[in-house]
Amino acid sequence: MTMPGPLRIGVIGHVEHITLGRVAALPRAGDIVHVQEPRVLAGGGGGIAFFQLARGPVELHLFTALGDDDAAGFVERAIAAAPARVHAVRRAQPHTRDVVMIGPDGERTILVVGEPLHPRADDPLPWEIIDELDAVYFTAQDPALLARARHARVLVAAARRRECIAAAGIELDAIVGSRADPRERAARADYAVPPAALVMTEGPLGGAVETAGGVARFASPRADVTGGTYGAGDSFAGALTYYLAAGMSALEAAVHAAHHGAAVVGSLDPLAAQLPLSLPAPAPPPAPP
């Protein structure tokens, strides 16, 4: 499968200031917990997917919002260093910070400080770019902006934006989420306007793709959680968007994206472990008789 020139893909949503590290146990009331091996990065649902897409042959556009403090400055420098075009609106408020605690089992627990900063349809950003994009991954909160994003050829949204999706009232090419998260777990029929494909991941069990034709499962590559699970789902979502934009079916795209999700759990730093995006080599032509 090949495409004429690089794919043009947009990410619409939040990028947060992340402090991530290991803890011996999650805190109980009154506890003081020390975070070991700390590192600081730009992440969040939009950020991790953005950096995953930046690892491919893509003309990448990020539409986001930034605060007005030092955390915003850190995030702004991180996204500006990526091979992408950044379209950001400034908010007169502190930027969202997350503290991500990785437990002994590799599972992540997230403390979010402040509300995530998202772009809105009424922000003075170059929304006309969307009309020329091959795909958009949407993890913002404005229904009007989600409806505007429908002008892209392929539109993928995070399942955690269920209320926004319902309010927008449009058909999406894919909704992606985790069956382990009650905020995201759903069936296709749960949506008033069902998406063309509902993709639910299930960690090491792989996941399932539900379409009008039924449910098909996909496997996850074997991966030991020697780092942490933070960023695995969002790396999967970014990769899924890329493979859908390239013309794969939802099931084919999920099979390929599963490798990108699994790669992240081998490292404490999800951005360091993300795999490059590439399309499989075309099959050789059949030999002449």
Protein backbone atom coordinates (compact mmCIF):
# COMPACT_ATOMS: atom_id res chain seq x y z
CA MET A 1 0.00 0.00 0.00
CA THR A 2 1.43 3.36 -0.99
CA MET A 3 0.21 6.94 -1.03
CA PRO A 4 1.23 9.75 -3.45
CA GLY A 5 3.39 11.94 -1.22
CA PRO A 6 3.30 12.13 2.58
CA LEU A 7 0.01 11.75 4.39
CA ARG A 8 -1.38 14.97 5.85
CA ILE A 9 -2.67 14.35 9.37
CA GLY A 10 -3.90 16.60 12.16
CA VAL A 11 -4.16 16.15 15.93
CA ILE A 12 -6.71 18.28 17.75
CA GLY A 13 -6.50 18.31 21.53
CA HIS A 14 -4.49 18.80 24.68
CA VAL A 15 -0.78 18.44 25.40
CA GLU A 16 0.04 18.42 29.09
CA HIS A 17 3.12 18.93 31.27
CA ILE A 18 3.91 15.46 32.65
CA THR A 19 6.03 14.47 35.64
CA LEU A 20 6.34 10.69 35.56
CA GLY A 21 8.08 8.18 37.81
CA ARG A 22 7.85 4.97 39.80
CA VAL A 23 6.23 4.54 43.21
CA ALA A 24 6.55 1.57 45.56
CA ALA A 25 2.80 1.72 46.23
CA LEU A 26 -0.07 4.08 45.53
CA PRO A 27 -0.72 6.58 48.33
CA ARG A 28 -3.39 6.06 50.95
CA ALA A 29 -4.95 8.82 53.02
CA GLY A 30 -2.19 10.61 54.93
CA ASP A 31 0.68 8.92 53.07
CA ILE A 32 3.75 10.62 51.66
CA VAL A 33 4.88 8.84 48.49
CA HIS A 34 8.27 9.39 46.86
CA VAL A 35 8.38 9.29 43.06
CA GLN A 36 11.54 7.53 41.88
CA GLU A 37 13.29 7.88 38.50
CA PRO A 38 11.31 11.03 37.69
CA ARG A 39 11.31 12.52 34.24
CA VAL A 40 9.43 15.43 32.70
CA LEU A 41 7.85 15.32 29.25
CA ALA A 42 5.06 16.73 27.12
CA GLY A 43 2.28 14.18 27.00
CA GLY A 44 -1.41 13.73 27.62
CA GLY A 45 -3.85 12.12 25.21
CA GLY A 46 -3.21 14.56 22.39
CA GLY A 47 0.50 14.87 23.08
CA ILE A 48 1.39 11.19 23.05
CA ALA A 49 -0.60 10.60 19.84
CA PHE A 50 1.04 13.68 18.30
CA PHE A 51 4.57 12.47 19.04
CA GLN A 52 3.70 8.99 17.71
CA LEU A 53 2.49 10.51 14.43
CA ALA A 54 5.61 12.66 14.28
CA ARG A 55 7.59 9.41 13.92
CA GLY A 56 6.18 8.77 10.48
CA PRO A 57 6.38 10.14 6.92
CA VAL A 58 3.60 12.63 7.67
CA GLU A 59 2.87 16.30 7.15
CA LEU A 60 1.64 16.75 10.69
CA HIS A 61 -0.48 19.56 12.13
CA LEU A 62 -1.20 20.05 15.84
CA PHE A 63 -4.11 22.22 16.95
CA THR A 64 -3.91 22.86 20.69
CA ALA A 65 -4.10 25.41 23.50
CA LEU A 66 -1.32 26.61 25.80
CA GLY A 67 -1.36 28.32 29.18
CA ASP A 68 0.75 31.27 30.25
CA ASP A 69 3.23 29.83 32.76
CA ASP A 70 6.52 27.93 32.80
CA ALA A 71 4.75 24.59 32.24
CA ALA A 72 3.26 26.01 29.05
CA GLY A 73 6.71 27.18 27.99
CA PHE A 74 8.12 23.68 28.45
CA VAL A 75 5.30 22.12 26.42
CA GLU A 76 5.60 24.76 23.72
CA ARG A 77 9.32 24.08 23.28
CA ALA A 78 8.76 20.31 23.18
CA ILE A 79 6.09 20.40 20.48
CA ALA A 80 7.98 23.04 18.49
CA ALA A 81 10.96 20.68 18.29
CA ALA A 82 8.87 17.98 16.57
CA PRO A 83 8.74 17.81 12.76
CA ALA A 84 5.26 19.33 12.61
CA ARG A 85 3.31 22.53 12.19
CA VAL A 86 1.89 23.76 15.49
CA HIS A 87 -1.24 25.91 15.65
CA ALA A 88 -1.76 26.98 19.26
CA VAL A 89 -4.03 29.45 21.00
CA ARG A 90 -2.89 31.06 24.25
CA ARG A 91 -5.04 30.91 27.39
CA ALA A 92 -4.53 33.32 30.30
CA GLN A 93 -4.31 30.54 32.87
CA PRO A 94 -1.81 27.97 34.17
CA HIS A 95 -1.06 25.06 31.88
CA THR A 96 -2.32 21.63 32.92
CA ARG A 97 0.17 19.51 34.83
CA ASP A 98 -0.06 15.75 35.40
CA VAL A 99 1.74 13.61 37.96
CA VAL A 100 1.93 10.05 36.63
CA MET A 101 2.73 7.34 39.18
CA ILE A 102 3.88 3.98 37.82
CA GLY A 103 3.21 1.19 40.30
CA PRO A 104 5.22 -2.04 40.70
CA ASP A 105 2.92 -3.77 38.18
CA GLY A 106 3.59 -1.08 35.57
CA GLU A 107 0.07 0.32 35.74
CA ARG A 108 -0.22 4.10 35.73
CA THR A 109 -2.22 6.32 38.08
CA ILE A 110 -2.60 9.96 37.03
CA LEU A 111 -3.16 13.05 39.14
CA VAL A 112 -4.31 15.92 36.91
CA VAL A 113 -3.68 19.45 38.20
CA GLY A 114 -6.17 21.80 36.55
CA GLU A 115 -8.45 21.29 33.58
CA PRO A 116 -6.95 20.15 30.26
CA LEU A 117 -6.55 23.02 27.80
CA HIS A 118 -8.24 22.31 24.47
CA PRO A 119 -8.75 24.38 21.34
CA ARG A 120 -12.29 25.43 20.41
CA ALA A 121 -13.99 26.09 17.08
CA ASP A 122 -14.17 29.81 17.84
CA ASP A 123 -10.42 30.10 18.42
CA PRO A 124 -8.55 32.08 15.71
CA LEU A 125 -6.67 29.09 14.32
CA PRO A 126 -6.34 28.10 10.63
CA TRP A 127 -9.17 25.56 10.65
CA GLU A 128 -9.35 25.62 6.85
CA ILE A 129 -6.28 23.35 6.86
CA ILE A 130 -8.54 20.53 8.04
CA ASP A 131 -10.29 20.50 4.66
CA GLU A 132 -7.09 19.21 3.02
CA LEU A 133 -6.10 16.62 5.62
CA ASP A 134 -6.10 12.89 5.03
CA ALA A 135 -7.00 12.27 8.68
CA VAL A 136 -7.61 13.94 12.03
CA TYR A 137 -7.23 12.42 15.48
CA PHE A 138 -9.57 14.31 17.81
CA THR A 139 -9.31 14.35 21.59
CA ALA A 140 -10.67 17.83 22.35
CA GLN A 141 -14.01 18.70 23.97
CA ASP A 142 -15.87 21.11 21.68
CA PRO A 143 -18.69 19.46 19.65
CA ALA A 144 -18.62 22.27 17.09
CA LEU A 145 -14.92 21.65 16.52
CA LEU A 146 -15.50 17.91 16.15
CA ALA A 147 -18.15 18.64 13.51
CA ARG A 148 -15.66 20.95 11.77
CA ALA A 149 -13.06 18.18 11.82
CA ARG A 150 -15.46 16.00 9.79
CA HIS A 151 -14.13 17.84 6.73
CA ALA A 152 -11.00 15.65 6.92
CA ARG A 153 -11.09 12.51 4.81
CA VAL A 154 -10.76 10.24 7.87
CA LEU A 155 -11.86 11.28 11.36
CA VAL A 156 -10.86 9.34 14.48
CA ALA A 157 -11.91 10.35 18.00
CA ALA A 158 -10.95 9.23 21.48
CA ALA A 159 -13.70 7.24 23.21
CA ARG A 160 -13.19 9.30 26.37
CA ARG A 161 -14.87 12.18 24.49
CA ARG A 162 -18.23 10.37 24.51
CA GLU A 163 -20.29 13.45 25.49
CA CYS A 164 -18.65 15.57 22.80
CA ILE A 165 -19.22 12.85 20.19
CA ALA A 166 -22.90 12.57 21.11
CA ALA A 167 -23.39 16.34 20.96
CA ALA A 168 -21.67 16.63 17.56
CA GLY A 169 -24.09 14.12 16.02
CA ILE A 170 -21.80 13.09 13.18
CA GLU A 171 -20.54 9.74 11.92
CA LEU A 172 -16.90 9.06 12.71
CA ASP A 173 -14.66 6.70 10.79
CA ALA A 174 -13.38 5.28 14.08
CA ILE A 175 -13.72 5.71 17.81
CA VAL A 176 -10.82 4.27 19.80
CA GLY A 177 -10.59 3.47 23.49
CA SER A 178 -9.76 0.92 26.16
CA ARG A 179 -12.21 -1.69 27.37
CA ALA A 180 -10.47 -1.52 30.77
CA ASP A 181 -11.56 2.11 31.24
CA PRO A 182 -15.23 2.50 32.23
CA ARG A 183 -15.28 5.99 30.69
CA GLU A 184 -14.35 4.51 27.32
CA ARG A 185 -15.83 1.01 27.31
CA ALA A 186 -18.71 0.82 24.85
CA ALA A 187 -20.41 -1.04 22.04
CA ARG A 188 -21.09 0.51 18.67
CA ALA A 189 -24.82 0.57 19.38
CA ASP A 190 -24.23 2.79 22.43
CA TYR A 191 -23.72 5.73 20.07
CA ALA A 192 -26.77 7.50 18.61
CA VAL A 193 -24.76 7.84 15.40
CA PRO A 194 -22.63 4.66 15.34
CA PRO A 195 -19.07 5.06 14.04
CA ALA A 196 -17.96 3.10 11.02
CA ALA A 197 -15.63 1.25 13.42
CA LEU A 198 -15.35 1.04 17.19
CA VAL A 199 -11.88 -0.08 18.27
CA MET A 200 -11.49 -1.27 21.86
CA THR A 201 -8.06 -2.30 23.15
CA GLU A 202 -7.63 -4.89 25.90
CA GLY A 203 -3.95 -4.65 26.85
CA PRO A 204 -2.04 -7.91 26.37
CA LEU A 205 -5.23 -9.59 25.09
CA GLY A 206 -5.22 -7.39 22.00
CA GLY A 207 -8.65 -5.98 21.36
CA ALA A 208 -11.68 -5.93 19.10
CA VAL A 209 -12.97 -3.96 16.13
CA GLU A 210 -16.74 -3.65 15.81
CA THR A 211 -18.29 -2.58 12.50
CA ALA A 212 -21.73 -2.98 10.93
CA GLY A 213 -20.52 -6.38 9.77
CA GLY A 214 -19.80 -7.67 13.29
CA VAL A 215 -16.90 -7.96 15.72
CA ALA A 216 -13.39 -9.11 14.83
CA ARG A 217 -10.56 -9.54 17.29
CA PHE A 218 -6.90 -8.65 16.89
CA ALA A 219 -3.91 -9.88 18.88
CA SER A 220 -1.33 -7.89 20.79
CA PRO A 221 2.38 -8.62 20.32
CA ARG A 222 3.93 -10.23 23.37
CA ALA A 223 5.46 -7.50 25.52
CA ASP A 224 6.68 -7.56 29.11
CA VAL A 225 5.72 -4.49 31.12
CA THR A 226 9.23 -3.58 32.22
CA GLY A 227 8.48 0.14 32.01
CA GLY A 228 4.90 1.31 32.41
CA THR A 229 1.58 1.38 30.61
CA TYR A 230 1.46 5.18 30.38
CA GLY A 231 1.17 6.24 26.74
CA ALA A 232 0.41 2.80 25.31
CA GLY A 233 -3.20 3.53 24.44
CA ASP A 234 -2.50 6.95 22.98
CA SER A 235 0.42 5.62 20.93
CA PHE A 236 -1.98 2.96 19.61
CA ALA A 237 -4.52 5.67 18.73
CA GLY A 238 -1.98 7.78 16.87
CA ALA A 239 -0.75 4.80 14.89
CA LEU A 240 -4.31 3.66 14.16
CA THR A 241 -5.04 7.08 12.67
CA TYR A 242 -1.98 6.82 10.44
CA TYR A 243 -2.85 3.39 9.11
CA LEU A 244 -6.49 4.36 8.51
CA ALA A 245 -5.31 7.43 6.61
CA ALA A 246 -3.13 5.14 4.49
CA GLY A 247 -6.24 3.26 3.36
CA MET A 248 -6.20 0.19 5.60
CA SER A 249 -9.40 -1.32 6.95
CA ALA A 250 -10.08 -0.73 10.64
CA LEU A 251 -9.02 -4.28 11.49
CA GLU A 252 -5.80 -4.07 9.45
CA ALA A 253 -5.01 -0.72 11.02
CA ALA A 254 -5.59 -2.09 14.54
CA VAL A 255 -3.32 -5.08 13.87
CA HIS A 256 -0.49 -2.74 12.88
CA ALA A 257 -1.21 -0.19 15.61
CA ALA A 258 -1.01 -2.91 18.27
CA HIS A 259 2.75 -3.09 17.76
CA HIS A 260 3.04 0.62 18.57
CA GLY A 261 1.00 0.28 21.75
CA ALA A 262 2.95 -2.77 22.92
CA ALA A 263 6.34 -1.12 22.30
CA VAL A 264 5.68 1.58 24.88
CA VAL A 265 5.30 -0.75 27.89
CA GLY A 266 8.97 -1.71 27.68
CA SER A 267 10.10 1.76 28.78
CA LEU A 268 9.28 4.15 31.57
CA ASP A 269 9.46 6.99 29.01
CA PRO A 270 6.77 6.38 26.37
CA LEU A 271 8.20 8.87 23.90
CA ALA A 272 11.58 7.13 23.91
CA ALA A 273 9.97 3.78 23.08
CA GLN A 274 7.58 4.76 20.29
CA LEU A 275 8.18 2.88 17.04
CA PRO A 276 8.55 4.62 13.69
CA LEU A 277 5.48 4.51 11.47
CA SER A 278 5.81 2.87 8.08
CA LEU A 279 3.64 1.03 5.60
CA PRO A 280 4.28 -2.62 4.81
CA ALA A 281 6.12 -3.29 1.59
CA PRO A 282 3.76 -4.18 -1.27
CA ALA A 283 3.54 -7.82 -2.17
CA PRO A 284 5.68 -8.78 -5.20
CA PRO A 285 3.75 -9.29 -8.42
CA PRO A 286 2.93 -12.92 -9.26
CA ALA A 287 5.48 -14.74 -11.36
CA PRO A 288 4.53 -15.05 -15.04
CA PRO A 289 3.17 -18.45 -16.00
